[in-house]
């Protein structure tokens, strides 16, 4: 920028700037690119993505949030869309692909309005009004659901897993998901609340997915530490330790000088005595089963085995917490504090062979607990099964907590689109245009479902609209291409997922539309040379003797 007398005045140094329509257009383009990347994975006939990370690990999935997390996205606007999908996953656990696809379509419709000289602020205002109205419409077409209606809960789980590895007709995963949710739901005041931390899932490669089973208790993927320990303990008294069973180290750094074999023998005897004291503290508490988060000394293992104690070491904190809830034991941080009152109870603790490995089963616990043991032919199959199960768990939990559901098959989106057009006609300002475009954007869901299933999108959307005048539950059966009553077909999903998807997509689109200036630094971060110094700063910097140095040790061009 030239100042007075033609002198250049630098305002923004090392910065690339995009402003006005150029900035908005580039942001929309980046966000839509992300939306298009996941669009083909939507619905029961959605395609899978094969993702390979920087170290060569392979992930095969059609789960929206997994795809978006694995993508190495650089553009800041595209990252906003990914954050919206992550929020959806965190809040309700499903509907992440819908968020990305809907946000991308909202931005595409906004581009049309921008070309017609509608100000971005008016578009944002109209979109927010439309989103509020869409939420009201969704609530008005919702059904009541009861926790006691197990068949309905299984249909919700099956819908959430549709299109994933677990949706085969003979799959028992939907029933398992309902069992796990009902086991991990508690009353808090007048509300039912689902606690995800109480859901126990263990994966083991081998057999087929049909061999997965629910275990009434807790399963730990560890084996017993010593061969002479009992492999099975009935009427177990369980101790949970977050401290090691070994001789205590001194508080300060200590050096011991040994000058003779007698002194060495005395030192070793003293160490053994301290280890035995540690083991005796555990045995004296009355515990016959020990789960230790830290290590167990080899000698301590011997003493515990002699006393008939079954012990596991390096048990992760998450598993200790699950055992504490199930057995009623307290997690003890010091062996000096271990008392009989800290012990939990279980009817049976035993080691069993599962596939090629060994696992420990804790059954008959004080508080009811359930663990799903997932089996699958490969690690990729198991990971896909776990992702499908996670969606099903959250979907069932949402309905148990809210007692509200809507039908699937894009029926709610069609109804919202039709009713929003009526709502737009009642508005007088330019917001009317934005609300109408929001209604058009909602149709991207049925269009995508139809396209991914191999049907003509326009024909199916027209057919859905014409049939909605008589039945609001008419949706698209992606397997047959027919437009049918989705409630009768048993395709249902939580109302919370639908509402959150609309709000998350609207927030992401509005956030991107409000950006009219992008300032990006073009300055390269300083590379680190030898010893962590920037290049050219390796020594004292003599007269032109250093690489990258000009006259008098100054960088080139700095005279």
Foldseek 3Di string as FASTA:
>chain_A
DADPPRRDDDDDPLKDKFFFPRLLVVLLVLLLVLLVVLLQLDDLLRAWDWAAAPVGDIAIASASLVVLVRDPDDDPLNVLLSVLLVVLCVPQNADSSLLSNLLSLLSVLVVVVVVVVDALVLLLVLLVVLLVVLLVLLVVQKDFFALVPLVLLLLQLLLLLRNFPQNDPPHCLSVVLSVQQVQQWDDDPNFIAGDPLQAAEAEDEDDAQNPKDKDWAHKFQFAWDDPLADQKDFFFWEAAEAEEQAADDDPDDDDDDDDDPVVVVVVVVVRLVRSVVSLVLVVVQVGQEYEYLAYYDPSSSVVSSVSNHTYTYNGHPSSSVNCCVFFVADYDHDSVPRHNVRIGTARMWGWDDDGPGIMIGTHRHPRTGMYIYGYHNDPNSRVRSVSSSSSSNSFSSLCNRPSIKAFDQLLSLLSSLVVLLVVLVVDDDPSSSSSNSSSVSSLVSQLSLQVSLPHHSVVLSVVSNVCCVPPSQFHADSPPRDTDRRVVVSGMTHSVSVSSSSVSSSVSSSVSSPDRMDMGRSDDPFDADPPRHGALPPDDQAAPPTPQAHGGSHGPPPD
